[in-house]
Amino acid sequence: MSKTLIIFGFHAIQAQLDAAPEGFVKVLTLDNRNDKRISQITTAFNQLSIKITKANKQQLDKLTKNQTHQGIAAEVLLPTLPNQDELIGFVSRLESSALILILDSIQDPRNLGACLRSANAAGVDCVVINKDGSAPINALVHKTSAGALNQLKIFQVTNLARTIKALQQENVWVVGLDGSTNTSIYQIDLTTPTALIMGTEGKGLRQLTKQSCDQLALIPMQGNVESLNVSVATGISLFEASRQRLG
């Protein structure tokens, strides 16, 4: 049976509407909200013959676990994420130089969503997450990603070290972000087929993941801050790759 999740707020609902309207299971709107914004999105649902149910504030609060829902929520199908074999097939068919983001055990759903948002903005070809140890794809990830979740190709793998080896066999250069090296991310050629790996909050890359990388790199910093939030580091690294490729 397909898994579902609850999404809420106009931005998240509109992103789902734009990317995968067939995924809606049910839609609920606040019974006493009749402004222009709710009217516009209601019209969009009606045009797609998607039924809307009215609900009171208490019902919406309960459904969204008291998150800020703006008077609209929906239950949507969560697509099954493709696996390693499908990832390798996808990469082998790419006509341009691959840019892949690998997230090693990102456990905070807000960080995961923010990383996906940066990945979408930087134009990555796909994102890889590990099945065990990573935050599940839930409403917070959906909301924080600001619609990126619906636009990205996301693969879920069971053994990250094995996946890295398989990517290397496809001539993908695997770069892990790690503070223990002296090599700056700005010194590395990121225009060739590249996978950037970001580690978990606090601990960074797991040892086996680190050992599997072709190269380690750091983001040079000034001041007395020892490390950056993983979503910030992801954005900086991906946009450096994007800058090099556009340049």
Protein backbone atom coordinates (compact mmCIF):
# COMPACT_ATOMS: atom_id res chain seq x y z
CA MET A 1 0.00 0.00 0.00
CA SER A 2 1.33 3.45 -0.93
CA LYS A 3 2.47 5.73 1.87
CA THR A 4 0.97 9.16 2.30
CA LEU A 5 1.90 12.34 4.13
CA ILE A 6 0.09 15.47 5.20
CA ILE A 7 1.22 18.73 3.61
CA PHE A 8 -0.11 22.18 4.42
CA GLY A 9 0.22 25.85 3.60
CA PHE A 10 -0.36 27.48 0.22
CA HIS A 11 3.22 27.16 -1.02
CA ALA A 12 3.47 23.44 -0.33
CA ILE A 13 0.01 22.76 -1.79
CA GLN A 14 0.75 24.80 -4.92
CA ALA A 15 4.08 23.04 -5.42
CA GLN A 16 2.30 19.69 -5.31
CA LEU A 17 -0.35 20.99 -7.70
CA ASP A 18 2.28 22.13 -10.17
CA ALA A 19 4.41 19.00 -10.03
CA ALA A 20 2.14 16.04 -9.28
CA PRO A 21 -1.58 16.85 -9.01
CA GLU A 22 -2.38 13.16 -9.40
CA GLY A 23 -0.83 12.60 -5.97
CA PHE A 24 -3.63 14.27 -3.99
CA VAL A 25 -5.68 11.88 -1.87
CA LYS A 26 -7.79 14.51 -0.14
CA VAL A 27 -7.80 18.29 0.30
CA LEU A 28 -9.23 20.23 3.22
CA THR A 29 -9.79 23.97 3.50
CA LEU A 30 -10.88 26.11 6.41
CA ASP A 31 -14.66 26.41 6.38
CA ASN A 32 -14.74 30.15 7.17
CA ARG A 33 -11.96 31.30 4.85
CA ASN A 34 -13.30 32.85 1.63
CA ASP A 35 -10.59 35.26 0.47
CA LYS A 36 -9.01 35.60 -2.98
CA ARG A 37 -6.10 33.27 -2.26
CA ILE A 38 -8.28 30.35 -1.19
CA SER A 39 -10.61 31.07 -4.09
CA GLN A 40 -7.79 30.86 -6.65
CA ILE A 41 -6.45 27.56 -5.39
CA THR A 42 -9.97 26.16 -5.09
CA THR A 43 -10.54 27.02 -8.75
CA ALA A 44 -7.34 25.17 -9.68
CA PHE A 45 -8.53 22.07 -7.84
CA ASN A 46 -11.97 22.27 -9.43
CA GLN A 47 -10.43 22.45 -12.90
CA LEU A 48 -8.60 19.22 -12.15
CA SER A 49 -11.74 17.63 -10.66
CA ILE A 50 -10.06 17.24 -7.27
CA LYS A 51 -12.60 17.27 -4.48
CA ILE A 52 -12.22 19.71 -1.59
CA THR A 53 -13.65 19.11 1.88
CA LYS A 54 -14.40 21.92 4.31
CA ALA A 55 -12.98 21.59 7.82
CA ASN A 56 -12.99 23.71 10.95
CA LYS A 57 -9.85 25.09 12.57
CA GLN A 58 -9.72 22.36 15.22
CA GLN A 59 -9.79 19.65 12.56
CA LEU A 60 -7.00 21.29 10.56
CA ASP A 61 -4.92 21.92 13.69
CA LYS A 62 -5.21 18.24 14.62
CA LEU A 63 -4.38 17.07 11.10
CA THR A 64 -1.27 19.28 10.88
CA LYS A 65 -0.24 18.77 14.53
CA ASN A 66 -0.78 22.47 15.27
CA GLN A 67 1.59 23.67 12.55
CA THR A 68 0.82 26.92 10.70
CA HIS A 69 -1.44 25.60 7.92
CA GLN A 70 -2.94 28.87 6.57
CA GLY A 71 -6.32 27.24 6.32
CA ILE A 72 -5.40 24.51 3.82
CA ALA A 73 -4.00 20.99 4.12
CA ALA A 74 -3.90 17.86 2.01
CA GLU A 75 -3.03 14.20 2.16
CA VAL A 76 -0.77 13.24 -0.75
CA LEU A 77 0.78 10.04 -2.00
CA LEU A 78 4.48 9.68 -1.24
CA PRO A 79 6.14 8.15 -4.29
CA THR A 80 8.44 5.19 -3.78
CA LEU A 81 12.03 6.38 -4.07
CA PRO A 82 14.10 4.53 -6.70
CA ASN A 83 17.11 2.47 -5.58
CA GLN A 84 20.81 2.15 -6.42
CA ASP A 85 20.31 0.17 -9.63
CA GLU A 86 17.95 2.84 -10.93
CA LEU A 87 20.42 5.54 -9.86
CA ILE A 88 23.25 3.99 -11.87
CA GLY A 89 20.98 3.58 -14.87
CA PHE A 90 19.93 7.21 -14.58
CA VAL A 91 23.52 8.47 -14.31
CA SER A 92 24.69 6.35 -17.24
CA ARG A 93 22.05 7.97 -19.47
CA LEU A 94 22.94 11.57 -18.61
CA GLU A 95 24.17 13.50 -21.62
CA SER A 96 25.76 16.32 -19.61
CA SER A 97 28.42 16.20 -16.91
CA ALA A 98 26.66 14.80 -13.84
CA LEU A 99 26.26 16.81 -10.66
CA ILE A 100 25.01 14.63 -7.82
CA LEU A 101 24.33 15.49 -4.18
CA ILE A 102 24.74 12.66 -1.67
CA LEU A 103 23.40 13.23 1.84
CA ASP A 104 24.95 10.94 4.43
CA SER A 105 22.54 10.49 7.35
CA ILE A 106 20.99 13.97 7.54
CA GLN A 107 18.71 13.51 10.53
CA ASP A 108 16.95 16.86 10.93
CA PRO A 109 13.99 17.09 8.53
CA ARG A 110 14.42 20.87 8.26
CA ASN A 111 18.06 20.45 7.24
CA LEU A 112 17.10 17.74 4.76
CA GLY A 113 14.42 19.98 3.25
CA ALA A 114 16.82 22.93 3.05
CA CYS A 115 19.47 20.76 1.35
CA LEU A 116 16.89 19.66 -1.22
CA ARG A 117 15.92 23.28 -1.80
CA SER A 118 19.57 24.23 -2.47
CA ALA A 119 20.00 21.19 -4.72
CA ASN A 120 17.04 22.23 -6.84
CA ALA A 121 18.24 25.84 -7.06
CA ALA A 122 21.78 24.77 -8.04
CA GLY A 123 20.52 22.48 -10.80
CA VAL A 124 21.74 19.10 -9.57
CA ASP A 125 20.85 16.08 -11.65
CA CYS A 126 19.80 14.01 -8.66
CA VAL A 127 20.06 13.56 -4.89
CA VAL A 128 21.00 10.35 -3.07
CA ILE A 129 20.00 9.65 0.53
CA ASN A 130 20.66 6.58 2.64
CA LYS A 131 17.69 4.56 3.84
CA ASP A 132 18.85 3.98 7.42
CA GLY A 133 19.99 6.97 9.47
CA SER A 134 18.37 9.70 7.40
CA ALA A 135 15.30 11.69 8.31
CA PRO A 136 12.16 10.30 6.67
CA ILE A 137 10.50 12.31 3.91
CA ASN A 138 7.71 13.97 5.90
CA ALA A 139 5.64 17.15 5.98
CA LEU A 140 8.48 19.21 7.47
CA VAL A 141 10.87 18.11 4.71
CA HIS A 142 8.21 18.91 2.13
CA LYS A 143 7.52 22.33 3.59
CA THR A 144 11.17 23.32 4.13
CA SER A 145 12.12 22.23 0.64
CA ALA A 146 9.69 24.88 -0.69
CA GLY A 147 8.48 22.63 -3.48
CA ALA A 148 11.91 21.24 -4.40
CA LEU A 149 10.86 17.78 -3.22
CA ASN A 150 8.46 17.59 -6.15
CA GLN A 151 11.02 18.75 -8.69
CA LEU A 152 14.08 16.65 -7.81
CA LYS A 153 15.07 13.14 -8.78
CA ILE A 154 15.75 11.51 -5.39
CA PHE A 155 17.23 8.03 -4.94
CA GLN A 156 17.31 6.05 -1.69
CA VAL A 157 20.04 3.47 -1.14
CA THR A 158 20.77 0.93 1.56
CA ASN A 159 24.58 0.90 1.43
CA LEU A 160 26.16 4.28 0.73
CA ALA A 161 29.72 2.96 0.40
CA ARG A 162 28.59 0.46 -2.22
CA THR A 163 26.68 3.21 -4.06
CA ILE A 164 29.79 5.43 -4.07
CA LYS A 165 31.82 2.60 -5.61
CA ALA A 166 29.16 2.07 -8.28
CA LEU A 167 29.20 5.79 -9.13
CA GLN A 168 32.99 5.75 -9.35
CA GLN A 169 32.72 2.95 -11.89
CA GLU A 170 30.60 5.37 -13.95
CA ASN A 171 33.55 7.81 -13.85
CA VAL A 172 31.93 10.09 -11.26
CA TRP A 173 34.50 11.87 -9.04
CA VAL A 174 33.29 11.68 -5.44
CA VAL A 175 34.14 14.63 -3.20
CA GLY A 176 33.34 14.54 0.51
CA LEU A 177 33.06 17.74 2.54
CA ASP A 178 35.21 17.34 5.63
CA GLY A 179 36.96 19.81 7.91
CA SER A 180 40.01 17.63 8.51
CA THR A 181 41.57 18.26 5.09
CA ASN A 182 43.56 21.26 3.83
CA THR A 183 42.07 21.25 0.32
CA SER A 184 39.56 24.01 -0.37
CA ILE A 185 36.40 23.25 -2.34
CA TYR A 186 37.39 26.24 -4.48
CA GLN A 187 40.59 24.47 -5.60
CA ILE A 188 38.80 21.45 -7.04
CA ASP A 189 37.59 21.11 -10.62
CA LEU A 190 33.85 20.47 -10.25
CA THR A 191 33.04 20.66 -13.96
CA THR A 192 33.67 16.94 -14.53
CA PRO A 193 31.04 14.35 -13.45
CA THR A 194 30.96 14.95 -9.69
CA ALA A 195 29.15 13.74 -6.59
CA LEU A 196 29.35 15.99 -3.52
CA ILE A 197 28.79 14.25 -0.19
CA MET A 198 27.57 16.10 2.89
CA GLY A 199 27.76 14.48 6.31
CA THR A 200 25.39 14.37 9.23
CA GLU A 201 24.88 17.27 11.60
CA GLY A 202 27.64 17.53 14.18
CA LYS A 203 29.68 14.44 13.31
CA GLY A 204 30.05 15.00 9.58
CA LEU A 205 30.87 12.15 7.22
CA ARG A 206 30.86 8.65 8.62
CA GLN A 207 34.27 6.97 8.54
CA LEU A 208 33.41 4.41 5.86
CA THR A 209 31.87 7.12 3.69
CA LYS A 210 34.96 9.28 4.11
CA GLN A 211 37.26 6.40 3.17
CA SER A 212 35.19 5.76 0.04
CA CYS A 213 35.62 9.28 -1.36
CA ASP A 214 38.07 10.11 -4.13
CA GLN A 215 38.85 13.43 -2.48
CA LEU A 216 38.01 15.43 0.62
CA ALA A 217 37.46 19.17 0.65
CA LEU A 218 36.58 21.91 3.10
CA ILE A 219 34.90 25.29 2.92
CA PRO A 220 37.52 27.83 4.11
CA MET A 221 36.16 30.01 6.89
CA GLN A 222 37.20 33.08 8.82
CA GLY A 223 36.30 34.08 12.33
CA ASN A 224 35.86 31.69 15.23
CA VAL A 225 33.07 29.49 13.84
CA GLU A 226 34.24 25.86 13.64
CA SER A 227 31.61 24.57 11.24
CA LEU A 228 28.59 25.55 9.17
CA ASN A 229 25.08 24.18 9.28
CA VAL A 230 24.91 21.28 6.80
CA SER A 231 22.28 22.98 4.66
CA VAL A 232 24.42 26.14 4.43
CA ALA A 233 27.50 24.10 3.53
CA THR A 234 25.47 22.22 0.93
CA GLY A 235 24.36 25.46 -0.70
CA ILE A 236 27.89 26.88 -0.80
CA SER A 237 29.37 23.70 -2.29
CA LEU A 238 26.67 23.19 -4.91
CA PHE A 239 26.75 26.78 -6.05
CA GLU A 240 30.53 26.64 -6.38
CA ALA A 241 30.00 23.67 -8.73
CA SER A 242 27.28 25.62 -10.53
CA ARG A 243 29.52 28.70 -10.82
CA GLN A 244 32.33 26.67 -12.35
CA ARG A 245 30.01 25.01 -14.84
CA LEU A 246 28.32 28.24 -15.89
CA GLY A 247 31.66 30.02 -16.10
